[in-house]
Amino acid sequence: MTPSQVVDYLTYANYAHNRRMSPEISPERWANIYPDAAKLEAKFQAAEWIASLSLTTGCTFDELSRAP
């Protein structure tokens, strides 16, 4: 990983943690802290959707990613 990729990974991990710990705070308000909040929110929503599919179907992420 490049230093830039490490920073991106850690920024997203921090964003996702904060979103899960404070769901009452709207994504728009997080933009005051995270300049790329829209991009982070899109990634967060995709990850949450995949997680919910995994919980409801019992499929793993790998199985879901291979689905047609």
N, C-alpha and C. Protein backbone atom coordinates (compact mmCIF):
# COMPACT_ATOMS: atom_id res chain seq x y z
N MET A 1 0.83 -1.18 0.00
CA MET A 1 0.00 0.00 0.00
C MET A 1 0.88 1.25 0.00
N THR A 2 0.43 2.22 -0.73
CA THR A 2 1.13 3.50 -0.74
C THR A 2 0.69 4.31 0.49
N PRO A 3 1.47 5.30 0.87
CA PRO A 3 1.04 6.15 1.99
C PRO A 3 -0.34 6.78 1.76
N SER A 4 -0.64 7.16 0.54
CA SER A 4 -1.94 7.74 0.22
C SER A 4 -3.07 6.74 0.44
N GLN A 5 -2.83 5.49 0.05
CA GLN A 5 -3.84 4.45 0.25
C GLN A 5 -4.06 4.17 1.73
N VAL A 6 -2.99 4.22 2.50
CA VAL A 6 -3.10 4.01 3.95
C VAL A 6 -3.94 5.12 4.57
N VAL A 7 -3.68 6.35 4.16
CA VAL A 7 -4.45 7.49 4.69
C VAL A 7 -5.92 7.34 4.30
N ASP A 8 -6.19 6.97 3.04
CA ASP A 8 -7.57 6.78 2.60
C ASP A 8 -8.27 5.69 3.40
N TYR A 9 -7.57 4.57 3.62
CA TYR A 9 -8.14 3.47 4.38
C TYR A 9 -8.47 3.89 5.81
N LEU A 10 -7.52 4.55 6.46
CA LEU A 10 -7.74 4.98 7.84
C LEU A 10 -8.83 6.05 7.94
N THR A 11 -8.89 6.94 6.97
CA THR A 11 -9.94 7.96 6.96
C THR A 11 -11.30 7.30 6.84
N TYR A 12 -11.44 6.34 5.93
CA TYR A 12 -12.73 5.65 5.78
C TYR A 12 -13.07 4.86 7.05
N ALA A 13 -12.09 4.16 7.60
CA ALA A 13 -12.34 3.38 8.82
C ALA A 13 -12.84 4.29 9.94
N ASN A 14 -12.24 5.47 10.07
CA ASN A 14 -12.66 6.42 11.09
C ASN A 14 -14.06 6.94 10.80
N TYR A 15 -14.33 7.26 9.54
CA TYR A 15 -15.65 7.74 9.15
C TYR A 15 -16.72 6.69 9.45
N ALA A 16 -16.47 5.45 9.02
CA ALA A 16 -17.44 4.37 9.24
C ALA A 16 -17.69 4.16 10.73
N HIS A 17 -16.63 4.19 11.52
CA HIS A 17 -16.79 4.03 12.97
C HIS A 17 -17.66 5.15 13.55
N ASN A 18 -17.37 6.38 13.15
CA ASN A 18 -18.15 7.51 13.65
C ASN A 18 -19.61 7.43 13.21
N ARG A 19 -19.87 7.01 11.99
CA ARG A 19 -21.25 6.89 11.50
C ARG A 19 -22.01 5.84 12.31
N ARG A 20 -21.34 4.72 12.61
CA ARG A 20 -22.00 3.66 13.38
C ARG A 20 -22.22 4.07 14.83
N MET A 21 -21.30 4.81 15.39
CA MET A 21 -21.40 5.21 16.79
C MET A 21 -22.36 6.38 17.00
N SER A 22 -22.58 7.18 15.96
CA SER A 22 -23.44 8.36 16.07
C SER A 22 -24.42 8.44 14.90
N PRO A 23 -25.34 7.47 14.81
CA PRO A 23 -26.27 7.46 13.67
C PRO A 23 -27.21 8.67 13.65
N GLU A 24 -27.34 9.35 14.77
CA GLU A 24 -28.24 10.51 14.82
C GLU A 24 -27.65 11.73 14.08
N ILE A 25 -26.36 11.69 13.81
CA ILE A 25 -25.73 12.79 13.07
C ILE A 25 -25.86 12.50 11.58
N SER A 26 -26.43 13.46 10.86
CA SER A 26 -26.67 13.26 9.43
C SER A 26 -25.36 13.25 8.66
N PRO A 27 -25.35 12.53 7.52
CA PRO A 27 -24.14 12.51 6.69
C PRO A 27 -23.71 13.92 6.26
N GLU A 28 -24.66 14.80 6.07
CA GLU A 28 -24.32 16.17 5.67
C GLU A 28 -23.49 16.88 6.73
N ARG A 29 -23.77 16.60 7.99
CA ARG A 29 -23.01 17.24 9.07
C ARG A 29 -21.59 16.72 9.15
N TRP A 30 -21.38 15.47 8.74
CA TRP A 30 -20.03 14.93 8.75
C TRP A 30 -19.14 15.63 7.73
N ALA A 31 -19.74 16.28 6.75
CA ALA A 31 -18.95 17.01 5.73
C ALA A 31 -18.15 18.15 6.36
N ASN A 32 -18.54 18.60 7.54
CA ASN A 32 -17.77 19.64 8.23
C ASN A 32 -16.42 19.10 8.71
N ILE A 33 -16.33 17.79 8.88
CA ILE A 33 -15.11 17.17 9.37
C ILE A 33 -14.33 16.48 8.25
N TYR A 34 -15.08 15.81 7.38
CA TYR A 34 -14.46 15.04 6.30
C TYR A 34 -14.72 15.73 4.97
N PRO A 35 -13.68 16.27 4.32
CA PRO A 35 -13.87 16.98 3.06
C PRO A 35 -14.49 16.11 1.95
N ASP A 36 -14.18 14.82 1.95
CA ASP A 36 -14.73 13.90 0.94
C ASP A 36 -15.90 13.10 1.51
N ALA A 37 -16.73 13.74 2.31
CA ALA A 37 -17.81 13.03 3.00
C ALA A 37 -18.77 12.35 2.03
N ALA A 38 -19.05 12.94 0.90
CA ALA A 38 -19.98 12.32 -0.05
C ALA A 38 -19.43 11.00 -0.56
N LYS A 39 -18.16 10.97 -0.87
CA LYS A 39 -17.52 9.73 -1.34
C LYS A 39 -17.47 8.70 -0.21
N LEU A 40 -17.13 9.15 0.99
CA LEU A 40 -17.08 8.24 2.13
C LEU A 40 -18.46 7.69 2.46
N GLU A 41 -19.49 8.52 2.35
CA GLU A 41 -20.85 8.08 2.62
C GLU A 41 -21.31 7.05 1.61
N ALA A 42 -20.97 7.25 0.35
CA ALA A 42 -21.35 6.27 -0.68
C ALA A 42 -20.70 4.92 -0.39
N LYS A 43 -19.45 4.94 -0.01
CA LYS A 43 -18.74 3.69 0.33
C LYS A 43 -19.36 3.06 1.58
N PHE A 44 -19.70 3.89 2.56
CA PHE A 44 -20.31 3.40 3.80
C PHE A 44 -21.66 2.75 3.51
N GLN A 45 -22.49 3.39 2.70
CA GLN A 45 -23.80 2.84 2.37
C GLN A 45 -23.67 1.52 1.61
N ALA A 46 -22.72 1.44 0.71
CA ALA A 46 -22.49 0.19 -0.03
C ALA A 46 -22.07 -0.93 0.92
N ALA A 47 -21.18 -0.62 1.85
CA ALA A 47 -20.72 -1.62 2.81
C ALA A 47 -21.87 -2.06 3.73
N GLU A 48 -22.70 -1.12 4.15
CA GLU A 48 -23.85 -1.46 5.00
C GLU A 48 -24.85 -2.33 4.24
N TRP A 49 -25.05 -2.03 2.96
CA TRP A 49 -25.97 -2.81 2.14
C TRP A 49 -25.47 -4.24 1.99
N ILE A 50 -24.17 -4.40 1.72
CA ILE A 50 -23.59 -5.73 1.59
C ILE A 50 -23.70 -6.48 2.91
N ALA A 51 -23.44 -5.80 4.02
CA ALA A 51 -23.55 -6.43 5.33
C ALA A 51 -24.98 -6.88 5.61
N SER A 52 -25.97 -6.06 5.24
CA SER A 52 -27.36 -6.44 5.48
C SER A 52 -27.75 -7.63 4.60
N LEU A 53 -27.26 -7.67 3.37
CA LEU A 53 -27.53 -8.82 2.52
C LEU A 53 -26.93 -10.09 3.11
N SER A 54 -25.73 -9.96 3.61
CA SER A 54 -25.05 -11.10 4.21
C SER A 54 -25.84 -11.63 5.41
N LEU A 55 -26.36 -10.71 6.22
CA LEU A 55 -27.14 -11.12 7.40
C LEU A 55 -28.47 -11.75 7.01
N THR A 56 -29.12 -11.21 5.99
CA THR A 56 -30.45 -11.72 5.63
C THR A 56 -30.38 -12.98 4.78
N THR A 57 -29.31 -13.15 4.00
CA THR A 57 -29.22 -14.32 3.12
C THR A 57 -28.32 -15.40 3.68
N GLY A 58 -27.46 -15.05 4.61
CA GLY A 58 -26.51 -16.01 5.14
C GLY A 58 -25.32 -16.23 4.21
N CYS A 59 -25.25 -15.46 3.14
CA CYS A 59 -24.14 -15.58 2.20
C CYS A 59 -22.94 -14.77 2.68
N THR A 60 -21.78 -15.22 2.28
CA THR A 60 -20.57 -14.45 2.59
C THR A 60 -20.41 -13.35 1.55
N PHE A 61 -19.50 -12.41 1.83
CA PHE A 61 -19.22 -11.34 0.87
C PHE A 61 -18.75 -11.93 -0.45
N ASP A 62 -17.90 -12.95 -0.41
CA ASP A 62 -17.40 -13.57 -1.63
C ASP A 62 -18.54 -14.18 -2.45
N GLU A 63 -19.46 -14.84 -1.78
CA GLU A 63 -20.61 -15.42 -2.49
C GLU A 63 -21.47 -14.32 -3.12
N LEU A 64 -21.70 -13.26 -2.38
CA LEU A 64 -22.51 -12.16 -2.91
C LEU A 64 -21.83 -11.48 -4.10
N SER A 65 -20.52 -11.35 -4.05
CA SER A 65 -19.81 -10.66 -5.15
C SER A 65 -19.78 -11.49 -6.42
N ARG A 66 -19.98 -12.81 -6.31
CA ARG A 66 -20.02 -13.67 -7.49
C ARG A 66 -21.42 -13.83 -8.04
N ALA A 67 -22.42 -13.36 -7.33
CA ALA A 67 -23.81 -13.54 -7.77
C ALA A 67 -24.04 -12.79 -9.09
N PRO A 68 -24.91 -13.35 -9.95
CA PRO A 68 -25.17 -12.69 -11.25
C PRO A 68 -25.89 -11.38 -11.11
